[in-house]
PDB file of N, CA and C in Angstrom:
ATOM      1  N   UNK A   1      35.809  -4.325 -45.080  1.00  0.00           N
ATOM      2  CA  UNK A   1      35.138  -3.226 -44.431  1.00  0.00           C
ATOM      3  C   UNK A   1      34.465  -3.079 -42.786  1.00  0.00           C
ATOM      4  N   UNK A   2      34.575  -4.039 -42.082  1.00  0.00           N
ATOM      5  CA  UNK A   2      34.886  -4.095 -40.814  1.00  0.00           C
ATOM      6  C   UNK A   2      35.315  -2.468 -40.310  1.00  0.00           C
ATOM      7  N   UNK A   3      36.757  -2.933 -40.527  1.00  0.00           N
ATOM      8  CA  UNK A   3      37.483  -1.432 -40.350  1.00  0.00           C
ATOM      9  C   UNK A   3      37.311  -0.201 -40.404  1.00  0.00           C
ATOM     10  N   UNK A   4      36.399   0.424 -41.613  1.00  0.00           N
ATOM     11  CA  UNK A   4      35.627   1.444 -41.458  1.00  0.00           C
ATOM     12  C   UNK A   4      34.815   1.918 -40.659  1.00  0.00           C
ATOM     13  N   UNK A   5      33.915   0.911 -40.569  1.00  0.00           N
ATOM     14  CA  UNK A   5      32.371   0.955 -40.035  1.00  0.00           C
ATOM     15  C   UNK A   5      32.365   0.920 -38.406  1.00  0.00           C
ATOM     16  N   UNK A   6      32.146   1.870 -38.447  1.00  0.00           N
ATOM     17  CA  UNK A   6      31.719   1.869 -36.372  1.00  0.00           C
ATOM     18  C   UNK A   6      30.711   2.609 -36.096  1.00  0.00           C
ATOM     19  N   UNK A   7      30.491   2.160 -34.419  1.00  0.00           N
ATOM     20  CA  UNK A   7      29.222   2.285 -34.093  1.00  0.00           C
ATOM     21  C   UNK A   7      29.046   4.601 -34.222  1.00  0.00           C
ATOM     22  N   UNK A   8      27.464   5.014 -34.525  1.00  0.00           N
ATOM     23  CA  UNK A   8      27.366   5.928 -34.908  1.00  0.00           C
ATOM     24  C   UNK A   8      27.327   6.487 -36.182  1.00  0.00           C
ATOM     25  N   UNK A   9      27.865   5.065 -36.905  1.00  0.00           N
ATOM     26  CA  UNK A   9      27.984   5.562 -38.896  1.00  0.00           C
ATOM     27  C   UNK A   9      26.567   5.921 -38.732  1.00  0.00           C
ATOM     28  N   UNK A  10      25.957   6.383 -40.355  1.00  0.00           N
ATOM     29  CA  UNK A  10      25.059   6.404 -40.852  1.00  0.00           C
ATOM     30  C   UNK A  10      25.001   5.598 -42.150  1.00  0.00           C
ATOM     31  N   UNK A  11      24.608   4.432 -42.493  1.00  0.00           N
ATOM     32  CA  UNK A  11      24.643   3.866 -43.389  1.00  0.00           C
ATOM     33  C   UNK A  11      23.246   3.795 -44.440  1.00  0.00           C
ATOM     34  N   UNK A  12      22.859   3.380 -45.455  1.00  0.00           N
ATOM     35  CA  UNK A  12      21.958   2.845 -46.417  1.00  0.00           C
ATOM     36  C   UNK A  12      22.088   1.894 -46.694  1.00  0.00           C
ATOM     37  N   UNK A  13      21.129   0.996 -46.661  1.00  0.00           N
ATOM     38  CA  UNK A  13      20.902  -0.434 -47.655  1.00  0.00           C
ATOM     39  C   UNK A  13      20.573  -0.287 -48.569  1.00  0.00           C
ATOM     40  N   UNK A  14      21.359  -0.933 -49.825  1.00  0.00           N
ATOM     41  CA  UNK A  14      20.572  -0.848 -50.848  1.00  0.00           C
ATOM     42  C   UNK A  14      20.033  -2.361 -51.606  1.00  0.00           C
ATOM     43  N   UNK A  15      20.776  -2.920 -50.785  1.00  0.00           N
ATOM     44  CA  UNK A  15      19.910  -4.370 -50.989  1.00  0.00           C
ATOM     45  C   UNK A  15      20.249  -5.499 -50.131  1.00  0.00           C
ATOM     46  N   UNK A  16      19.302  -5.714 -49.511  1.00  0.00           N
ATOM     47  CA  UNK A  16      19.717  -7.020 -48.240  1.00  0.00           C
ATOM     48  C   UNK A  16      19.136  -8.267 -48.697  1.00  0.00           C
ATOM     49  N   UNK A  17      20.039  -9.515 -48.274  1.00  0.00           N
ATOM     50  CA  UNK A  17      20.173 -10.505 -49.146  1.00  0.00           C
ATOM     51  C   UNK A  17      18.821 -11.121 -48.574  1.00  0.00           C
ATOM     52  N   UNK A  18      17.148 -10.993 -49.435  1.00  0.00           N
ATOM     53  CA  UNK A  18      16.196 -11.780 -48.894  1.00  0.00           C
ATOM     54  C   UNK A  18      15.456 -12.727 -48.638  1.00  0.00           C
ATOM     55  N   UNK A  19      16.780 -13.823 -49.158  1.00  0.00           N
ATOM     56  CA  UNK A  19      16.101 -15.354 -49.523  1.00  0.00           C
ATOM     57  C   UNK A  19      15.087 -15.425 -50.763  1.00  0.00           C
ATOM     58  N   UNK A  20      15.293 -14.844 -52.178  1.00  0.00           N
ATOM     59  CA  UNK A  20      14.493 -14.772 -52.493  1.00  0.00           C
ATOM     60  C   UNK A  20      13.047 -14.722 -52.773  1.00  0.00           C
ATOM     61  N   UNK A  21      12.973 -13.320 -51.831  1.00  0.00           N
ATOM     62  CA  UNK A  21      11.256 -13.036 -51.204  1.00  0.00           C
ATOM     63  C   UNK A  21      10.863 -13.538 -50.499  1.00  0.00           C
ATOM     64  N   UNK A  22      11.237 -14.476 -49.856  1.00  0.00           N
ATOM     65  CA  UNK A  22      11.103 -15.150 -48.560  1.00  0.00           C
ATOM     66  C   UNK A  22      11.360 -14.699 -47.083  1.00  0.00           C
ATOM     67  N   UNK A  23      12.020 -13.194 -47.531  1.00  0.00           N
ATOM     68  CA  UNK A  23      13.174 -12.681 -45.951  1.00  0.00           C
ATOM     69  C   UNK A  23      11.798 -11.178 -45.905  1.00  0.00           C
ATOM     70  N   UNK A  24      10.947 -11.168 -45.710  1.00  0.00           N
ATOM     71  CA  UNK A  24       9.592  -9.821 -45.594  1.00  0.00           C
ATOM     72  C   UNK A  24      10.789  -8.855 -44.853  1.00  0.00           C
ATOM     73  N   UNK A  25      11.237  -9.521 -43.770  1.00  0.00           N
ATOM     74  CA  UNK A  25      12.178  -8.371 -43.006  1.00  0.00           C
ATOM     75  C   UNK A  25      13.273  -7.824 -43.635  1.00  0.00           C
ATOM     76  N   UNK A  26      14.030  -8.787 -43.982  1.00  0.00           N
ATOM     77  CA  UNK A  26      15.184  -8.018 -45.054  1.00  0.00           C
ATOM     78  C   UNK A  26      14.656  -7.197 -46.031  1.00  0.00           C
ATOM     79  N   UNK A  27      13.452  -7.848 -46.863  1.00  0.00           N
ATOM     80  CA  UNK A  27      13.068  -7.152 -47.963  1.00  0.00           C
ATOM     81  C   UNK A  27      12.933  -5.786 -47.426  1.00  0.00           C
ATOM     82  N   UNK A  28      12.004  -5.613 -46.779  1.00  0.00           N
ATOM     83  CA  UNK A  28      12.157  -3.675 -46.015  1.00  0.00           C
ATOM     84  C   UNK A  28      12.719  -3.350 -46.092  1.00  0.00           C
ATOM     85  N   UNK A  29      14.453  -3.681 -45.234  1.00  0.00           N
ATOM     86  CA  UNK A  29      15.386  -3.001 -44.999  1.00  0.00           C
ATOM     87  C   UNK A  29      16.415  -2.029 -46.106  1.00  0.00           C
ATOM     88  N   UNK A  30      15.751  -2.659 -46.903  1.00  0.00           N
ATOM     89  CA  UNK A  30      15.856  -2.011 -48.416  1.00  0.00           C
ATOM     90  C   UNK A  30      15.724  -0.852 -49.081  1.00  0.00           C
ATOM     91  N   UNK A  31      16.696   0.386 -49.024  1.00  0.00           N
ATOM     92  CA  UNK A  31      16.257   1.385 -49.420  1.00  0.00           C
ATOM     93  C   UNK A  31      16.252   2.510 -47.780  1.00  0.00           C
ATOM     94  N   UNK A  32      16.487   1.849 -46.687  1.00  0.00           N
ATOM     95  CA  UNK A  32      15.905   2.971 -45.239  1.00  0.00           C
ATOM     96  C   UNK A  32      17.687   2.555 -45.267  1.00  0.00           C
ATOM     97  N   UNK A  33      17.735   4.327 -44.559  1.00  0.00           N
ATOM     98  CA  UNK A  33      19.417   4.106 -43.518  1.00  0.00           C
ATOM     99  C   UNK A  33      18.571   4.144 -42.477  1.00  0.00           C
ATOM    100  N   UNK A  34      20.245   3.938 -41.760  1.00  0.00           N
ATOM    101  CA  UNK A  34      20.479   3.589 -40.593  1.00  0.00           C
ATOM    102  C   UNK A  34      21.713   3.856 -39.666  1.00  0.00           C
ATOM    103  N   UNK A  35      21.656   4.371 -38.552  1.00  0.00           N
ATOM    104  CA  UNK A  35      22.635   4.444 -37.383  1.00  0.00           C
ATOM    105  C   UNK A  35      23.015   2.890 -37.113  1.00  0.00           C
ATOM    106  N   UNK A  36      24.907   2.907 -36.846  1.00  0.00           N
ATOM    107  CA  UNK A  36      25.344   1.332 -36.249  1.00  0.00           C
ATOM    108  C   UNK A  36      25.507   1.391 -35.437  1.00  0.00           C
ATOM    109  N   UNK A  37      24.814   0.563 -34.471  1.00  0.00           N
ATOM    110  CA  UNK A  37      24.263  -0.126 -32.915  1.00  0.00           C
ATOM    111  C   UNK A  37      26.236  -0.148 -32.568  1.00  0.00           C
ATOM    112  N   UNK A  38      26.490  -1.514 -33.682  1.00  0.00           N
ATOM    113  CA  UNK A  38      28.081  -1.787 -33.560  1.00  0.00           C
ATOM    114  C   UNK A  38      28.577  -3.036 -34.570  1.00  0.00           C
ATOM    115  N   UNK A  39      29.459  -3.332 -34.549  1.00  0.00           N
ATOM    116  CA  UNK A  39      30.184  -4.199 -35.727  1.00  0.00           C
ATOM    117  C   UNK A  39      30.227  -5.368 -34.664  1.00  0.00           C
ATOM    118  N   UNK A  40      30.347  -6.725 -35.221  1.00  0.00           N
ATOM    119  CA  UNK A  40      30.479  -8.255 -34.071  1.00  0.00           C
ATOM    120  C   UNK A  40      31.127  -8.271 -34.857  1.00  0.00           C
ATOM    121  N   UNK A  41      32.000  -9.160 -33.762  1.00  0.00           N
ATOM    122  CA  UNK A  41      33.483  -9.741 -33.810  1.00  0.00           C
ATOM    123  C   UNK A  41      33.406 -10.971 -35.491  1.00  0.00           C
ATOM    124  N   UNK A  42      32.218 -11.287 -35.983  1.00  0.00           N
ATOM    125  CA  UNK A  42      32.043 -11.125 -37.090  1.00  0.00           C
ATOM    126  C   UNK A  42      31.542 -10.713 -38.513  1.00  0.00           C
ATOM    127  N   UNK A  43      32.102  -9.609 -38.158  1.00  0.00           N
ATOM    128  CA  UNK A  43      32.143  -8.361 -39.083  1.00  0.00           C
ATOM    129  C   UNK A  43      30.352  -7.992 -39.166  1.00  0.00           C
ATOM    130  N   UNK A  44      29.899  -8.340 -38.925  1.00  0.00           N
ATOM    131  CA  UNK A  44      28.572  -8.006 -39.041  1.00  0.00           C
ATOM    132  C   UNK A  44      27.758  -6.601 -38.515  1.00  0.00           C
ATOM    133  N   UNK A  45      27.477  -6.257 -38.718  1.00  0.00           N
ATOM    134  CA  UNK A  45      26.874  -4.610 -38.864  1.00  0.00           C
ATOM    135  C   UNK A  45      25.306  -4.477 -38.575  1.00  0.00           C
ATOM    136  N   UNK A  46      25.351  -4.206 -37.427  1.00  0.00           N
ATOM    137  CA  UNK A  46      24.161  -4.020 -35.991  1.00  0.00           C
ATOM    138  C   UNK A  46      23.542  -3.065 -36.139  1.00  0.00           C
ATOM    139  N   UNK A  47      22.653  -2.470 -36.437  1.00  0.00           N
ATOM    140  CA  UNK A  47      22.486  -1.396 -36.657  1.00  0.00           C
ATOM    141  C   UNK A  47      20.711  -0.857 -35.587  1.00  0.00           C
ATOM    142  N   UNK A  48      19.986   0.309 -34.936  1.00  0.00           N
ATOM    143  CA  UNK A  48      19.341   0.625 -34.413  1.00  0.00           C
ATOM    144  C   UNK A  48      18.139   0.508 -34.891  1.00  0.00           C
ATOM    145  N   UNK A  49      16.606  -0.188 -34.527  1.00  0.00           N
ATOM    146  CA  UNK A  49      15.481  -0.174 -35.115  1.00  0.00           C
ATOM    147  C   UNK A  49      15.414  -1.391 -36.525  1.00  0.00           C
ATOM    148  N   UNK A  50      15.920  -2.212 -36.089  1.00  0.00           N
ATOM    149  CA  UNK A  50      16.426  -3.682 -37.108  1.00  0.00           C
ATOM    150  C   UNK A  50      16.739  -4.836 -35.785  1.00  0.00           C
ATOM    151  N   UNK A  51      15.880  -5.712 -36.346  1.00  0.00           N
ATOM    152  CA  UNK A  51      16.808  -7.286 -35.438  1.00  0.00           C
ATOM    153  C   UNK A  51      17.311  -7.438 -36.719  1.00  0.00           C
ATOM    154  N   UNK A  52      17.909  -7.602 -37.462  1.00  0.00           N
ATOM    155  CA  UNK A  52      18.568  -7.885 -38.016  1.00  0.00           C
ATOM    156  C   UNK A  52      19.926  -7.587 -38.514  1.00  0.00           C
ATOM    157  N   UNK A  53      20.812  -7.991 -38.496  1.00  0.00           N
ATOM    158  CA  UNK A  53      22.397  -7.253 -38.879  1.00  0.00           C
ATOM    159  C   UNK A  53      22.831  -7.496 -40.956  1.00  0.00           C
ATOM    160  N   UNK A  54      23.731  -6.859 -40.972  1.00  0.00           N
ATOM    161  CA  UNK A  54      23.972  -6.588 -42.368  1.00  0.00           C
ATOM    162  C   UNK A  54      25.345  -7.151 -41.995  1.00  0.00           C
ATOM    163  N   UNK A  55      25.252  -8.318 -43.111  1.00  0.00           N
ATOM    164  CA  UNK A  55      26.157  -9.030 -43.930  1.00  0.00           C
ATOM    165  C   UNK A  55      27.170  -8.474 -44.980  1.00  0.00           C
ATOM    166  N   UNK A  56      28.312  -7.785 -44.776  1.00  0.00           N
ATOM    167  CA  UNK A  56      28.852  -7.226 -45.738  1.00  0.00           C
ATOM    168  C   UNK A  56      29.243  -8.114 -47.047  1.00  0.00           C
ATOM    169  N   UNK A  57      29.430  -9.204 -46.631  1.00  0.00           N
ATOM    170  CA  UNK A  57      29.715 -10.419 -48.094  1.00  0.00           C
ATOM    171  C   UNK A  57      28.130 -10.729 -48.575  1.00  0.00           C
ATOM    172  N   UNK A  58      26.900  -9.994 -47.934  1.00  0.00           N
ATOM    173  CA  UNK A  58      26.048 -10.644 -48.708  1.00  0.00           C
ATOM    174  C   UNK A  58      25.173  -9.593 -49.071  1.00  0.00           C
ATOM    175  N   UNK A  59      24.739  -8.447 -48.662  1.00  0.00           N
ATOM    176  CA  UNK A  59      24.281  -7.505 -48.600  1.00  0.00           C
ATOM    177  C   UNK A  59      25.275  -6.287 -48.784  1.00  0.00           C
ATOM    178  N   UNK A  60      23.849  -5.355 -49.894  1.00  0.00           N
ATOM    179  CA  UNK A  60      24.792  -3.814 -50.136  1.00  0.00           C
ATOM    180  C   UNK A  60      24.319  -2.928 -49.077  1.00  0.00           C
ATOM    181  N   UNK A  61      24.937  -1.988 -49.248  1.00  0.00           N
ATOM    182  CA  UNK A  61      25.217  -1.127 -48.471  1.00  0.00           C
ATOM    183  C   UNK A  61      26.072   0.160 -48.731  1.00  0.00           C
ATOM    184  N   UNK A  62      25.646   1.520 -48.256  1.00  0.00           N
ATOM    185  CA  UNK A  62      26.829   2.384 -48.929  1.00  0.00           C
ATOM    186  C   UNK A  62      26.911   3.378 -46.670  1.00  0.00           C
ATOM    187  N   UNK A  63      27.846   3.894 -47.107  1.00  0.00           N
ATOM    188  CA  UNK A  63      28.331   4.786 -45.552  1.00  0.00           C
ATOM    189  C   UNK A  63      28.084   5.851 -45.895  1.00  0.00           C
ATOM    190  N   UNK A  64      26.695   6.468 -45.672  1.00  0.00           N
ATOM    191  CA  UNK A  64      26.722   8.036 -45.990  1.00  0.00           C
ATOM    192  C   UNK A  64      27.654   9.040 -44.785  1.00  0.00           C
ATOM    193  N   UNK A  65      27.601   8.269 -43.359  1.00  0.00           N
ATOM    194  CA  UNK A  65      28.086   9.730 -43.158  1.00  0.00           C
ATOM    195  C   UNK A  65      28.898   8.723 -41.950  1.00  0.00           C
ATOM    196  N   UNK A  66      30.478   9.405 -41.981  1.00  0.00           N
ATOM    197  CA  UNK A  66      31.441   8.751 -40.725  1.00  0.00           C
ATOM    198  C   UNK A  66      31.424   9.327 -39.441  1.00  0.00           C
TER     199      UNK A  66
END
């Protein structure tokens, strides 16, 4: 998926891995829409407005607009 996601794309987080409810910052991203800031070399997706990276192998999200 890394090759299809790029800066400026809009994605919606469906379900972040929140460590079984222990990571409130990840849990509050569920259902939110973000603009992609960049994709790092590990393939993690960084978005504006969040200090967390979306990990395609662990988190569920959809592309809203490319």
